[in-house]
């Protein structure tokens, strides 16, 4: 963004408080990784953290195993909700069960935001759910605009909607310069999942 934001344009103009909206988007690798690193940092500061994993189900994610093995005191502050089937969702393979899982995850996220239950909420791959038109961007923006002032919310996934970008305080676009997938390397345990 080239122009400086005015306080009237911001959801939380009091920059001394936490409570910003962050977006990690782009076609490069590392959006979920960045958000989960932020979750670990927040947990280290004794924050309550919710991670809703849109379009991601199943148990074959290294981060889930890691989070399950955290100390009991840290686990008490972490909630992970998977809102997807056990596969990657694309426009060509999307079905009604995908929509149900994603909408269930959104209901959980909305309730947590409304009830001010967490200090950090990560909506992993929500940008994809919006891009696939499973979630309505106007509803998502309205919920985000009305979030508690001191709650931090992170949206990840490719194709972040311009309306979400407009209300965000931080947007990082991760673009690939070079990727080993282009050489035929498949996703690797411990690195991609």
C-alpha atoms as a PDB file:
ATOM      1  CA  UNK A   1       0.000   0.000   0.000  1.00  0.00           C
ATOM      2  CA  UNK A   2       1.538   3.272  -1.072  1.00  0.00           C
ATOM      3  CA  UNK A   3      -0.632   5.728   0.793  1.00  0.00           C
ATOM      4  CA  UNK A   4      -0.469   6.065   4.533  1.00  0.00           C
ATOM      5  CA  UNK A   5      -3.548   4.800   6.337  1.00  0.00           C
ATOM      6  CA  UNK A   6      -5.595   7.272   8.322  1.00  0.00           C
ATOM      7  CA  UNK A   7      -6.920   6.316  11.748  1.00  0.00           C
ATOM      8  CA  UNK A   8     -10.449   6.336  10.317  1.00  0.00           C
ATOM      9  CA  UNK A   9      -9.414   3.557   7.899  1.00  0.00           C
ATOM     10  CA  UNK A  10      -8.220   1.242  10.641  1.00  0.00           C
ATOM     11  CA  UNK A  11     -10.220  -1.245  12.651  1.00  0.00           C
ATOM     12  CA  UNK A  12      -8.018  -0.663  15.695  1.00  0.00           C
ATOM     13  CA  UNK A  13      -6.302   2.742  15.397  1.00  0.00           C
ATOM     14  CA  UNK A  14      -4.752   2.374  18.863  1.00  0.00           C
ATOM     15  CA  UNK A  15      -1.450   0.817  17.776  1.00  0.00           C
ATOM     16  CA  UNK A  16      -0.292   0.289  21.375  1.00  0.00           C
ATOM     17  CA  UNK A  17      -2.749  -2.560  21.760  1.00  0.00           C
ATOM     18  CA  UNK A  18      -2.458  -5.885  20.049  1.00  0.00           C
ATOM     19  CA  UNK A  19      -5.391  -6.844  17.938  1.00  0.00           C
ATOM     20  CA  UNK A  20      -4.521  -6.664  14.273  1.00  0.00           C
ATOM     21  CA  UNK A  21      -5.602  -8.596  11.199  1.00  0.00           C
ATOM     22  CA  UNK A  22      -2.794 -10.291   9.299  1.00  0.00           C
ATOM     23  CA  UNK A  23      -2.924 -12.001   5.911  1.00  0.00           C
ATOM     24  CA  UNK A  24      -0.325 -14.394   4.503  1.00  0.00           C
ATOM     25  CA  UNK A  25      -1.081 -14.987   0.827  1.00  0.00           C
ATOM     26  CA  UNK A  26       0.581 -15.608  -2.533  1.00  0.00           C
ATOM     27  CA  UNK A  27       1.632 -18.649  -4.515  1.00  0.00           C
ATOM     28  CA  UNK A  28       4.805 -19.325  -2.561  1.00  0.00           C
ATOM     29  CA  UNK A  29       5.435 -21.910   0.136  1.00  0.00           C
ATOM     30  CA  UNK A  30       5.309 -20.854   3.767  1.00  0.00           C
ATOM     31  CA  UNK A  31       1.952 -19.251   4.546  1.00  0.00           C
ATOM     32  CA  UNK A  32       0.745 -21.888   7.001  1.00  0.00           C
ATOM     33  CA  UNK A  33       4.280 -22.335   8.308  1.00  0.00           C
ATOM     34  CA  UNK A  34       4.491 -18.618   9.137  1.00  0.00           C
ATOM     35  CA  UNK A  35       1.129 -18.599  10.892  1.00  0.00           C
ATOM     36  CA  UNK A  36       1.973 -21.674  12.967  1.00  0.00           C
ATOM     37  CA  UNK A  37       5.287 -20.095  13.941  1.00  0.00           C
ATOM     38  CA  UNK A  38       3.260 -17.137  15.200  1.00  0.00           C
ATOM     39  CA  UNK A  39       1.040 -19.565  17.132  1.00  0.00           C
ATOM     40  CA  UNK A  40       4.104 -21.039  18.844  1.00  0.00           C
ATOM     41  CA  UNK A  41       5.351 -17.566  19.740  1.00  0.00           C
ATOM     42  CA  UNK A  42       1.955 -16.600  21.198  1.00  0.00           C
ATOM     43  CA  UNK A  43       1.712 -19.873  23.142  1.00  0.00           C
ATOM     44  CA  UNK A  44       5.157 -19.134  24.565  1.00  0.00           C
ATOM     45  CA  UNK A  45       3.656 -15.914  25.962  1.00  0.00           C
ATOM     46  CA  UNK A  46       0.746 -17.828  27.507  1.00  0.00           C
ATOM     47  CA  UNK A  47      -1.825 -16.602  24.979  1.00  0.00           C
ATOM     48  CA  UNK A  48      -4.928 -18.633  24.202  1.00  0.00           C
ATOM     49  CA  UNK A  49      -4.737 -19.696  20.536  1.00  0.00           C
ATOM     50  CA  UNK A  50      -7.300 -21.162  18.137  1.00  0.00           C
ATOM     51  CA  UNK A  51      -6.246 -22.629  14.799  1.00  0.00           C
ATOM     52  CA  UNK A  52      -9.024 -23.475  12.346  1.00  0.00           C
ATOM     53  CA  UNK A  53      -7.606 -25.481   9.448  1.00  0.00           C
ATOM     54  CA  UNK A  54      -9.970 -24.912   6.520  1.00  0.00           C
ATOM     55  CA  UNK A  55      -9.736 -27.439   3.665  1.00  0.00           C
ATOM     56  CA  UNK A  56      -7.435 -29.627   5.782  1.00  0.00           C
ATOM     57  CA  UNK A  57      -8.579 -32.818   7.433  1.00  0.00           C
ATOM     58  CA  UNK A  58      -6.898 -36.063   8.331  1.00  0.00           C
ATOM     59  CA  UNK A  59      -4.014 -36.724  10.638  1.00  0.00           C
ATOM     60  CA  UNK A  60      -1.039 -36.625   8.274  1.00  0.00           C
ATOM     61  CA  UNK A  61       0.309 -33.194   9.251  1.00  0.00           C
ATOM     62  CA  UNK A  62       3.546 -32.961  11.223  1.00  0.00           C
ATOM     63  CA  UNK A  63       2.364 -29.822  12.986  1.00  0.00           C
ATOM     64  CA  UNK A  64      -0.545 -31.728  14.538  1.00  0.00           C
ATOM     65  CA  UNK A  65       1.846 -34.296  15.985  1.00  0.00           C
ATOM     66  CA  UNK A  66       4.096 -31.526  17.300  1.00  0.00           C
ATOM     67  CA  UNK A  67       1.234 -29.645  18.910  1.00  0.00           C
ATOM     68  CA  UNK A  68      -0.015 -32.852  20.582  1.00  0.00           C
ATOM     69  CA  UNK A  69       3.410 -33.313  22.160  1.00  0.00           C
ATOM     70  CA  UNK A  70       3.671 -29.864  23.693  1.00  0.00           C
ATOM     71  CA  UNK A  71       3.692 -29.590  27.459  1.00  0.00           C
ATOM     72  CA  UNK A  72       0.323 -29.919  29.149  1.00  0.00           C
ATOM     73  CA  UNK A  73       0.360 -26.277  30.263  1.00  0.00           C
ATOM     74  CA  UNK A  74       0.883 -25.099  26.675  1.00  0.00           C
ATOM     75  CA  UNK A  75      -1.705 -27.537  25.279  1.00  0.00           C
ATOM     76  CA  UNK A  76      -4.287 -26.037  27.620  1.00  0.00           C
ATOM     77  CA  UNK A  77      -4.037 -22.776  25.685  1.00  0.00           C
ATOM     78  CA  UNK A  78      -4.270 -24.317  22.198  1.00  0.00           C
ATOM     79  CA  UNK A  79      -7.330 -25.456  20.284  1.00  0.00           C
ATOM     80  CA  UNK A  80      -7.073 -26.880  16.766  1.00  0.00           C
ATOM     81  CA  UNK A  81     -10.180 -27.434  14.665  1.00  0.00           C
ATOM     82  CA  UNK A  82      -9.895 -29.198  11.330  1.00  0.00           C
ATOM     83  CA  UNK A  83     -12.553 -28.037   8.893  1.00  0.00           C
ATOM     84  CA  UNK A  84     -11.836 -30.157   5.871  1.00  0.00           C
ATOM     85  CA  UNK A  85     -11.763 -33.654   4.503  1.00  0.00           C
ATOM     86  CA  UNK A  86      -8.660 -35.833   4.277  1.00  0.00           C
ATOM     87  CA  UNK A  87      -7.475 -34.351   0.966  1.00  0.00           C
ATOM     88  CA  UNK A  88      -6.614 -31.074  -0.710  1.00  0.00           C
ATOM     89  CA  UNK A  89      -9.641 -29.178  -2.003  1.00  0.00           C
ATOM     90  CA  UNK A  90      -9.651 -27.645  -5.475  1.00  0.00           C
ATOM     91  CA  UNK A  91     -12.503 -26.295  -7.598  1.00  0.00           C
ATOM     92  CA  UNK A  92     -12.567 -29.508  -9.666  1.00  0.00           C
ATOM     93  CA  UNK A  93     -12.848 -31.940  -6.712  1.00  0.00           C
ATOM     94  CA  UNK A  94     -14.972 -29.923  -4.293  1.00  0.00           C
ATOM     95  CA  UNK A  95     -18.101 -31.639  -2.989  1.00  0.00           C
ATOM     96  CA  UNK A  96     -20.921 -30.951  -0.520  1.00  0.00           C
ATOM     97  CA  UNK A  97     -18.998 -32.626   2.303  1.00  0.00           C
ATOM     98  CA  UNK A  98     -16.171 -30.114   1.775  1.00  0.00           C
ATOM     99  CA  UNK A  99     -18.660 -27.273   2.019  1.00  0.00           C
ATOM    100  CA  UNK A 100     -20.189 -28.704   5.200  1.00  0.00           C
ATOM    101  CA  UNK A 101     -16.795 -29.135   6.874  1.00  0.00           C
ATOM    102  CA  UNK A 102     -15.627 -25.646   5.918  1.00  0.00           C
ATOM    103  CA  UNK A 103     -18.891 -24.006   7.006  1.00  0.00           C
ATOM    104  CA  UNK A 104     -18.712 -25.894  10.325  1.00  0.00           C
ATOM    105  CA  UNK A 105     -15.207 -24.500  10.831  1.00  0.00           C
ATOM    106  CA  UNK A 106     -16.402 -20.998  10.047  1.00  0.00           C
ATOM    107  CA  UNK A 107     -19.194 -21.307  12.621  1.00  0.00           C
ATOM    108  CA  UNK A 108     -16.602 -22.341  15.230  1.00  0.00           C
ATOM    109  CA  UNK A 109     -14.397 -19.379  14.297  1.00  0.00           C
ATOM    110  CA  UNK A 110     -17.302 -16.895  14.346  1.00  0.00           C
ATOM    111  CA  UNK A 111     -18.417 -18.089  17.780  1.00  0.00           C
ATOM    112  CA  UNK A 112     -14.881 -17.868  19.166  1.00  0.00           C
ATOM    113  CA  UNK A 113     -14.507 -14.328  17.813  1.00  0.00           C
ATOM    114  CA  UNK A 114     -17.892 -13.275  19.153  1.00  0.00           C
ATOM    115  CA  UNK A 115     -17.210 -14.798  22.579  1.00  0.00           C
ATOM    116  CA  UNK A 116     -13.700 -13.288  22.772  1.00  0.00           C
ATOM    117  CA  UNK A 117     -12.329 -16.703  23.780  1.00  0.00           C
ATOM    118  CA  UNK A 118      -8.818 -16.386  22.323  1.00  0.00           C
ATOM    119  CA  UNK A 119      -6.085 -13.810  21.950  1.00  0.00           C
ATOM    120  CA  UNK A 120      -4.919 -15.233  18.596  1.00  0.00           C
ATOM    121  CA  UNK A 121      -7.083 -16.926  15.984  1.00  0.00           C
ATOM    122  CA  UNK A 122      -5.503 -18.420  12.868  1.00  0.00           C
ATOM    123  CA  UNK A 123      -7.875 -19.077   9.977  1.00  0.00           C
ATOM    124  CA  UNK A 124      -5.595 -21.329   7.946  1.00  0.00           C
ATOM    125  CA  UNK A 125      -6.510 -21.541   4.233  1.00  0.00           C
ATOM    126  CA  UNK A 126      -9.638 -19.429   4.715  1.00  0.00           C
ATOM    127  CA  UNK A 127      -8.610 -17.462   1.624  1.00  0.00           C
ATOM    128  CA  UNK A 128      -9.083 -20.637  -0.418  1.00  0.00           C
ATOM    129  CA  UNK A 129     -12.536 -21.242   1.102  1.00  0.00           C
ATOM    130  CA  UNK A 130     -13.478 -17.674   0.146  1.00  0.00           C
ATOM    131  CA  UNK A 131     -11.956 -18.003  -3.334  1.00  0.00           C
ATOM    132  CA  UNK A 132     -13.971 -21.202  -3.909  1.00  0.00           C
ATOM    133  CA  UNK A 133     -17.088 -19.258  -2.820  1.00  0.00           C
ATOM    134  CA  UNK A 134     -17.783 -21.649   0.038  1.00  0.00           C
ATOM    135  CA  UNK A 135     -17.558 -18.739   2.479  1.00  0.00           C
ATOM    136  CA  UNK A 136     -19.014 -15.330   1.715  1.00  0.00           C
ATOM    137  CA  UNK A 137     -16.361 -12.593   1.725  1.00  0.00           C
ATOM    138  CA  UNK A 138     -18.811  -9.934   2.914  1.00  0.00           C
ATOM    139  CA  UNK A 139     -19.747 -12.023   5.937  1.00  0.00           C
ATOM    140  CA  UNK A 140     -16.097 -12.741   6.740  1.00  0.00           C
ATOM    141  CA  UNK A 141     -15.203  -9.044   6.485  1.00  0.00           C
ATOM    142  CA  UNK A 142     -18.134  -8.069   8.690  1.00  0.00           C
ATOM    143  CA  UNK A 143     -17.085 -10.557  11.381  1.00  0.00           C
ATOM    144  CA  UNK A 144     -13.488  -9.327  11.212  1.00  0.00           C
ATOM    145  CA  UNK A 145     -14.548  -5.680  11.445  1.00  0.00           C
ATOM    146  CA  UNK A 146     -16.481  -6.479  14.624  1.00  0.00           C
ATOM    147  CA  UNK A 147     -13.816  -8.606  16.309  1.00  0.00           C
ATOM    148  CA  UNK A 148     -12.693  -7.715  19.849  1.00  0.00           C
ATOM    149  CA  UNK A 149     -10.131  -4.911  19.638  1.00  0.00           C
ATOM    150  CA  UNK A 150      -7.340  -6.820  21.336  1.00  0.00           C
ATOM    151  CA  UNK A 151      -7.774 -10.073  19.360  1.00  0.00           C
ATOM    152  CA  UNK A 152      -5.187 -10.891  16.666  1.00  0.00           C
ATOM    153  CA  UNK A 153      -6.546 -12.759  13.644  1.00  0.00           C
ATOM    154  CA  UNK A 154      -4.493 -14.319  10.846  1.00  0.00           C
ATOM    155  CA  UNK A 155      -5.879 -15.400   7.468  1.00  0.00           C
ATOM    156  CA  UNK A 156      -3.784 -17.644   5.236  1.00  0.00           C
ATOM    157  CA  UNK A 157      -4.057 -19.085   1.762  1.00  0.00           C
ATOM    158  CA  UNK A 158      -3.623 -18.144  -1.862  1.00  0.00           C
ATOM    159  CA  UNK A 159      -5.790 -15.587  -3.591  1.00  0.00           C
ATOM    160  CA  UNK A 160      -6.622 -13.333  -0.656  1.00  0.00           C
ATOM    161  CA  UNK A 161      -9.718 -11.356  -1.560  1.00  0.00           C
ATOM    162  CA  UNK A 162      -9.220  -7.592  -2.091  1.00  0.00           C
ATOM    163  CA  UNK A 163     -11.924  -6.857   0.499  1.00  0.00           C
ATOM    164  CA  UNK A 164      -9.971  -8.809   3.129  1.00  0.00           C
ATOM    165  CA  UNK A 165      -6.729  -7.134   2.113  1.00  0.00           C
ATOM    166  CA  UNK A 166      -8.373  -3.711   2.466  1.00  0.00           C
ATOM    167  CA  UNK A 167      -9.247  -4.215   6.143  1.00  0.00           C
ATOM    168  CA  UNK A 168      -6.047  -6.043   7.124  1.00  0.00           C
ATOM    169  CA  UNK A 169      -3.276  -4.305   9.040  1.00  0.00           C
ATOM    170  CA  UNK A 170      -0.515  -6.558   7.690  1.00  0.00           C
ATOM    171  CA  UNK A 171      -0.430  -8.389   4.366  1.00  0.00           C
ATOM    172  CA  UNK A 172       2.508 -10.554   3.352  1.00  0.00           C
ATOM    173  CA  UNK A 173       2.539 -11.910  -0.178  1.00  0.00           C
ATOM    174  CA  UNK A 174       4.755 -14.953  -0.461  1.00  0.00           C
ATOM    175  CA  UNK A 175       5.819 -15.492  -4.046  1.00  0.00           C
ATOM    176  CA  UNK A 176       7.978 -18.318  -5.387  1.00  0.00           C
ATOM    177  CA  UNK A 177      11.228 -17.430  -7.074  1.00  0.00           C
ATOM    178  CA  UNK A 178      12.308 -21.043  -7.391  1.00  0.00           C
ATOM    179  CA  UNK A 179      10.637 -24.234  -6.136  1.00  0.00           C
ATOM    180  CA  UNK A 180      11.817 -27.847  -6.226  1.00  0.00           C
ATOM    181  CA  UNK A 181       8.288 -28.949  -7.150  1.00  0.00           C
ATOM    182  CA  UNK A 182       9.074 -27.626 -10.633  1.00  0.00           C
ATOM    183  CA  UNK A 183      11.792 -30.303 -10.814  1.00  0.00           C
ATOM    184  CA  UNK A 184       9.240 -33.025 -10.044  1.00  0.00           C
ATOM    185  CA  UNK A 185       9.865 -33.285  -6.281  1.00  0.00           C
ATOM    186  CA  UNK A 186       6.728 -34.349  -4.412  1.00  0.00           C
ATOM    187  CA  UNK A 187       5.604 -32.916  -1.078  1.00  0.00           C
ATOM    188  CA  UNK A 188       7.884 -34.194   1.679  1.00  0.00           C
ATOM    189  CA  UNK A 189       7.016 -35.275   5.223  1.00  0.00           C
ATOM    190  CA  UNK A 190       8.391 -32.828   7.739  1.00  0.00           C
ATOM    191  CA  UNK A 191       8.713 -30.038   5.171  1.00  0.00           C
ATOM    192  CA  UNK A 192       5.369 -29.682   3.365  1.00  0.00           C
ATOM    193  CA  UNK A 193       3.212 -31.689   5.771  1.00  0.00           C
END
